[in-house]
C-alpha atoms as a PDB file:
ATOM      1  CA  MET A   1       0.000   0.000   0.000  1.00  0.00           C
ATOM      2  CA  HIS A   2       1.341   3.414  -0.975  1.00  0.00           C
ATOM      3  CA  GLU A   3       1.868   5.890   1.848  1.00  0.00           C
ATOM      4  CA  PRO A   4       1.868   9.560   0.793  1.00  0.00           C
ATOM      5  CA  ARG A   5       5.220  11.273   1.334  1.00  0.00           C
ATOM      6  CA  LEU A   6       3.873  13.889   3.758  1.00  0.00           C
ATOM      7  CA  ASN A   7       2.075  11.246   5.821  1.00  0.00           C
ATOM      8  CA  ARG A   8       5.295   9.240   6.053  1.00  0.00           C
ATOM      9  CA  ALA A   9       7.258  12.362   7.074  1.00  0.00           C
ATOM     10  CA  LEU A  10       4.676  13.134   9.768  1.00  0.00           C
ATOM     11  CA  ARG A  11       4.663   9.572  11.103  1.00  0.00           C
ATOM     12  CA  GLU A  12       8.483   9.593  11.250  1.00  0.00           C
ATOM     13  CA  LEU A  13       8.479  12.963  13.058  1.00  0.00           C
ATOM     14  CA  LEU A  14       6.043  11.703  15.696  1.00  0.00           C
ATOM     15  CA  GLN A  15       8.011   8.478  16.144  1.00  0.00           C
ATOM     16  CA  SER A  16      11.406  10.173  16.422  1.00  0.00           C
ATOM     17  CA  GLN A  17      10.493  13.062  18.752  1.00  0.00           C
ATOM     18  CA  ARG A  18       9.496  12.471  22.374  1.00  0.00           C
ATOM     19  CA  ILE A  19       8.697  15.963  23.629  1.00  0.00           C
ATOM     20  CA  ALA A  20       6.118  18.528  22.604  1.00  0.00           C
ATOM     21  CA  SER A  21       5.221  22.097  23.406  1.00  0.00           C
ATOM     22  CA  LEU A  22       1.784  22.180  25.000  1.00  0.00           C
ATOM     23  CA  GLY A  23      -0.305  25.334  24.815  1.00  0.00           C
ATOM     24  CA  THR A  24      -3.146  25.792  27.293  1.00  0.00           C
ATOM     25  CA  LEU A  25      -5.271  28.711  28.446  1.00  0.00           C
ATOM     26  CA  ASN A  26      -4.925  29.998  31.994  1.00  0.00           C
ATOM     27  CA  ALA A  27      -7.818  31.093  34.228  1.00  0.00           C
ATOM     28  CA  GLU A  28      -7.759  34.586  32.698  1.00  0.00           C
ATOM     29  CA  GLY A  29      -7.847  33.136  29.162  1.00  0.00           C
ATOM     30  CA  GLY A  30      -4.193  33.928  28.494  1.00  0.00           C
ATOM     31  CA  PRO A  31      -1.821  31.510  26.760  1.00  0.00           C
ATOM     32  CA  PHE A  32       0.551  29.274  28.694  1.00  0.00           C
ATOM     33  CA  VAL A  33       3.112  27.055  26.934  1.00  0.00           C
ATOM     34  CA  SER A  34       5.037  24.220  28.538  1.00  0.00           C
ATOM     35  CA  MET A  35       7.030  21.132  27.593  1.00  0.00           C
ATOM     36  CA  VAL A  36       5.538  17.645  27.908  1.00  0.00           C
ATOM     37  CA  PRO A  37       6.795  14.192  26.973  1.00  0.00           C
ATOM     38  CA  PHE A  38       4.231  12.443  24.789  1.00  0.00           C
ATOM     39  CA  ALA A  39       3.374   9.088  23.294  1.00  0.00           C
ATOM     40  CA  VAL A  40       0.956   8.237  20.509  1.00  0.00           C
ATOM     41  CA  ASP A  41      -1.951   5.890  21.117  1.00  0.00           C
ATOM     42  CA  PRO A  42      -2.649   4.484  17.635  1.00  0.00           C
ATOM     43  CA  GLY A  43      -5.800   2.688  18.765  1.00  0.00           C
ATOM     44  CA  ALA A  44      -7.436   5.894  19.988  1.00  0.00           C
ATOM     45  CA  ALA A  45      -5.683   8.145  17.411  1.00  0.00           C
ATOM     46  CA  CYS A  46      -4.536  10.543  20.122  1.00  0.00           C
ATOM     47  CA  LEU A  47      -1.481  11.778  21.966  1.00  0.00           C
ATOM     48  CA  VAL A  48      -0.972  10.674  25.572  1.00  0.00           C
ATOM     49  CA  ILE A  49       0.723  12.794  28.202  1.00  0.00           C
ATOM     50  CA  HIS A  50       1.363  12.034  31.875  1.00  0.00           C
ATOM     51  CA  VAL A  51       1.061  15.176  33.932  1.00  0.00           C
ATOM     52  CA  SER A  52       0.982  16.314  37.541  1.00  0.00           C
ATOM     53  CA  LEU A  53      -2.119  17.961  38.936  1.00  0.00           C
ATOM     54  CA  LEU A  54       0.284  20.430  40.557  1.00  0.00           C
ATOM     55  CA  ALA A  55       1.442  21.719  37.145  1.00  0.00           C
ATOM     56  CA  PRO A  56      -0.163  24.885  35.735  1.00  0.00           C
ATOM     57  CA  HIS A  57      -0.730  23.282  32.327  1.00  0.00           C
ATOM     58  CA  THR A  58      -2.705  20.431  33.929  1.00  0.00           C
ATOM     59  CA  ARG A  59      -4.920  22.800  35.903  1.00  0.00           C
ATOM     60  CA  ASN A  60      -5.403  24.825  32.722  1.00  0.00           C
ATOM     61  CA  LEU A  61      -6.446  21.894  30.530  1.00  0.00           C
ATOM     62  CA  LEU A  62      -8.797  20.538  33.205  1.00  0.00           C
ATOM     63  CA  ARG A  63     -10.477  23.954  33.338  1.00  0.00           C
ATOM     64  CA  ASN A  64     -10.517  24.402  29.557  1.00  0.00           C
ATOM     65  CA  PRO A  65      -9.760  21.303  27.454  1.00  0.00           C
ATOM     66  CA  ALA A  66      -8.891  23.288  24.312  1.00  0.00           C
ATOM     67  CA  VAL A  67      -5.147  22.801  23.770  1.00  0.00           C
ATOM     68  CA  SER A  68      -2.513  23.179  21.104  1.00  0.00           C
ATOM     69  CA  VAL A  69       0.519  20.921  20.719  1.00  0.00           C
ATOM     70  CA  MET A  70       3.641  21.409  18.625  1.00  0.00           C
ATOM     71  CA  VAL A  71       6.165  18.700  17.849  1.00  0.00           C
ATOM     72  CA  MET A  72       9.268  19.658  15.910  1.00  0.00           C
ATOM     73  CA  GLN A  73      12.574  18.308  14.798  1.00  0.00           C
ATOM     74  CA  PRO A  74      15.463  19.795  16.812  1.00  0.00           C
ATOM     75  CA  GLU A  75      17.670  22.487  15.393  1.00  0.00           C
ATOM     76  CA  VAL A  76      20.938  21.395  13.796  1.00  0.00           C
ATOM     77  CA  ALA A  77      23.884  23.776  14.270  1.00  0.00           C
ATOM     78  CA  SER A  78      24.653  25.875  11.171  1.00  0.00           C
ATOM     79  CA  GLU A  79      21.500  24.656   9.377  1.00  0.00           C
ATOM     80  CA  PRO A  80      18.597  26.992   8.558  1.00  0.00           C
ATOM     81  CA  VAL A  81      15.827  26.812  11.144  1.00  0.00           C
ATOM     82  CA  HIS A  82      12.927  28.037   9.000  1.00  0.00           C
ATOM     83  CA  ALA A  83      12.520  24.664   7.295  1.00  0.00           C
ATOM     84  CA  LEU A  84      12.537  22.486  10.416  1.00  0.00           C
ATOM     85  CA  PRO A  85       9.874  19.763  10.120  1.00  0.00           C
ATOM     86  CA  ARG A  86       7.065  20.327  12.601  1.00  0.00           C
ATOM     87  CA  ILE A  87       3.383  19.909  13.279  1.00  0.00           C
ATOM     88  CA  SER A  88       1.053  22.137  15.244  1.00  0.00           C
ATOM     89  CA  MET A  89      -2.152  20.457  16.364  1.00  0.00           C
ATOM     90  CA  ASP A  90      -5.266  21.917  17.927  1.00  0.00           C
ATOM     91  CA  GLY A  91      -7.186  19.494  20.067  1.00  0.00           C
ATOM     92  CA  GLN A  92      -9.248  18.597  23.078  1.00  0.00           C
ATOM     93  CA  ALA A  93      -7.693  17.178  26.235  1.00  0.00           C
ATOM     94  CA  ALA A  94      -9.414  14.554  28.373  1.00  0.00           C
ATOM     95  CA  ARG A  95      -8.178  13.191  31.688  1.00  0.00           C
ATOM     96  CA  LEU A  96      -8.352   9.394  31.563  1.00  0.00           C
ATOM     97  CA  GLN A  97     -10.128   7.595  34.374  1.00  0.00           C
ATOM     98  CA  PRO A  98      -7.659   5.413  36.323  1.00  0.00           C
ATOM     99  CA  GLU A  99      -7.897   1.719  35.504  1.00  0.00           C
ATOM    100  CA  SER A 100     -10.311   2.295  32.594  1.00  0.00           C
ATOM    101  CA  ALA A 101      -9.543   0.449  29.352  1.00  0.00           C
ATOM    102  CA  HIS A 102      -8.197   3.630  27.765  1.00  0.00           C
ATOM    103  CA  TRP A 103      -6.108   4.430  30.864  1.00  0.00           C
ATOM    104  CA  LEU A 104      -4.600   0.914  30.815  1.00  0.00           C
ATOM    105  CA  ALA A 105      -3.738   1.233  27.103  1.00  0.00           C
ATOM    106  CA  ALA A 106      -2.264   4.722  27.636  1.00  0.00           C
ATOM    107  CA  HIS A 107      -0.258   3.480  30.628  1.00  0.00           C
ATOM    108  CA  GLN A 108       1.286   0.670  28.564  1.00  0.00           C
ATOM    109  CA  ILE A 109       1.993   2.870  25.529  1.00  0.00           C
ATOM    110  CA  TYR A 110       3.502   5.645  27.639  1.00  0.00           C
ATOM    111  CA  LEU A 111       5.746   3.303  29.658  1.00  0.00           C
ATOM    112  CA  THR A 112       6.918   1.565  26.490  1.00  0.00           C
ATOM    113  CA  ARG A 113       8.226   4.946  25.343  1.00  0.00           C
ATOM    114  CA  PHE A 114       9.271   6.237  28.788  1.00  0.00           C
ATOM    115  CA  PRO A 115      10.096   3.251  31.023  1.00  0.00           C
ATOM    116  CA  GLU A 116      11.884   5.578  33.456  1.00  0.00           C
ATOM    117  CA  ALA A 117       8.508   7.209  34.259  1.00  0.00           C
ATOM    118  CA  GLU A 118       7.108   4.044  35.865  1.00  0.00           C
ATOM    119  CA  PRO A 119       7.573   5.240  39.482  1.00  0.00           C
ATOM    120  CA  MET A 120       5.639   8.437  38.683  1.00  0.00           C
ATOM    121  CA  THR A 121       2.604   6.403  37.571  1.00  0.00           C
ATOM    122  CA  HIS A 122       2.110   5.427  41.228  1.00  0.00           C
ATOM    123  CA  LEU A 123       1.991   9.015  42.492  1.00  0.00           C
ATOM    124  CA  GLY A 124      -1.505  10.234  43.287  1.00  0.00           C
ATOM    125  CA  ASP A 125      -1.085  13.662  41.749  1.00  0.00           C
ATOM    126  CA  PHE A 126      -0.220  12.330  38.250  1.00  0.00           C
ATOM    127  CA  SER A 127      -2.778  11.595  35.573  1.00  0.00           C
ATOM    128  CA  PHE A 128      -2.803  10.326  32.019  1.00  0.00           C
ATOM    129  CA  VAL A 129      -4.401  12.775  29.618  1.00  0.00           C
ATOM    130  CA  ALA A 130      -5.418  12.035  26.046  1.00  0.00           C
ATOM    131  CA  ILE A 131      -5.201  14.809  23.486  1.00  0.00           C
ATOM    132  CA  TYR A 132      -7.561  14.285  20.573  1.00  0.00           C
ATOM    133  CA  PRO A 133      -6.418  16.440  17.629  1.00  0.00           C
ATOM    134  CA  THR A 134      -9.153  18.323  15.792  1.00  0.00           C
ATOM    135  CA  ALA A 135      -6.988  20.030  13.146  1.00  0.00           C
ATOM    136  CA  ALA A 136      -3.313  20.499  12.366  1.00  0.00           C
ATOM    137  CA  ARG A 137      -0.755  22.281  10.229  1.00  0.00           C
ATOM    138  CA  GLN A 138       2.272  20.273   9.087  1.00  0.00           C
ATOM    139  CA  VAL A 139       5.472  21.843   7.801  1.00  0.00           C
ATOM    140  CA  ALA A 140       7.685  19.197   6.204  1.00  0.00           C
ATOM    141  CA  GLY A 141      10.352  21.611   4.957  1.00  0.00           C
ATOM    142  CA  PHE A 142      10.680  25.011   3.331  1.00  0.00           C
ATOM    143  CA  GLY A 143       7.702  25.557   1.044  1.00  0.00           C
ATOM    144  CA  THR A 144       6.134  22.215   2.000  1.00  0.00           C
ATOM    145  CA  ALA A 145       3.186  22.735   4.320  1.00  0.00           C
ATOM    146  CA  ARG A 146      -0.388  21.552   4.562  1.00  0.00           C
ATOM    147  CA  PRO A 147      -3.432  21.697   6.798  1.00  0.00           C
ATOM    148  CA  LEU A 148      -4.840  18.434   8.133  1.00  0.00           C
ATOM    149  CA  GLU A 149      -8.402  17.816   9.246  1.00  0.00           C
ATOM    150  CA  ALA A 150      -9.091  15.556  12.223  1.00  0.00           C
ATOM    151  CA  ASP A 151      -9.813  12.476  10.097  1.00  0.00           C
ATOM    152  CA  GLU A 152      -6.628  12.857   8.033  1.00  0.00           C
ATOM    153  CA  LEU A 153      -4.543  13.263  11.185  1.00  0.00           C
ATOM    154  CA  ALA A 154      -6.248  10.282  12.863  1.00  0.00           C
ATOM    155  CA  GLU A 155      -5.288   8.151   9.855  1.00  0.00           C
ATOM    156  CA  VAL A 156      -1.603   9.005  10.373  1.00  0.00           C
ATOM    157  CA  LEU A 157      -1.784   8.582  14.173  1.00  0.00           C
ATOM    158  CA  ARG A 158      -3.162   5.076  13.718  1.00  0.00           C
ATOM    159  CA  THR A 159       0.064   4.096  11.921  1.00  0.00           C
ATOM    160  CA  VAL A 160       2.553   5.510  14.456  1.00  0.00           C
END
């Protein structure tokens, strides 16, 4: 089966990068950006993060589930930065109920990617949160960009 070049580039970006910038809205409606490790849950076509209830971004997304996430390739010294591959996704965040089927799947997927985080999964103030993308903008290089609707993005996430 043929995989479109931009889909392949996006899948490879999401597989190779382990951190994202997470944008949330604070209580006053202002933007707040933080860094979060993430995993992809192909079965649910979402991103999974493991966050502390003490963190501002967690309080923000529980108050207002509208979020934005950016994943990008790191800068390479002496290379132009304007063409760095990246994706910006708008989405909805949902805290997963402990021990639910989705929580158990997210737990396994997250620990496969971040085995060192296992002790944190036993702390009461940490939760798994699913981020369901609703739209995205992919930049695969200079002059190579496209918007993605939720269904197109879900198709790629299911192959990660």
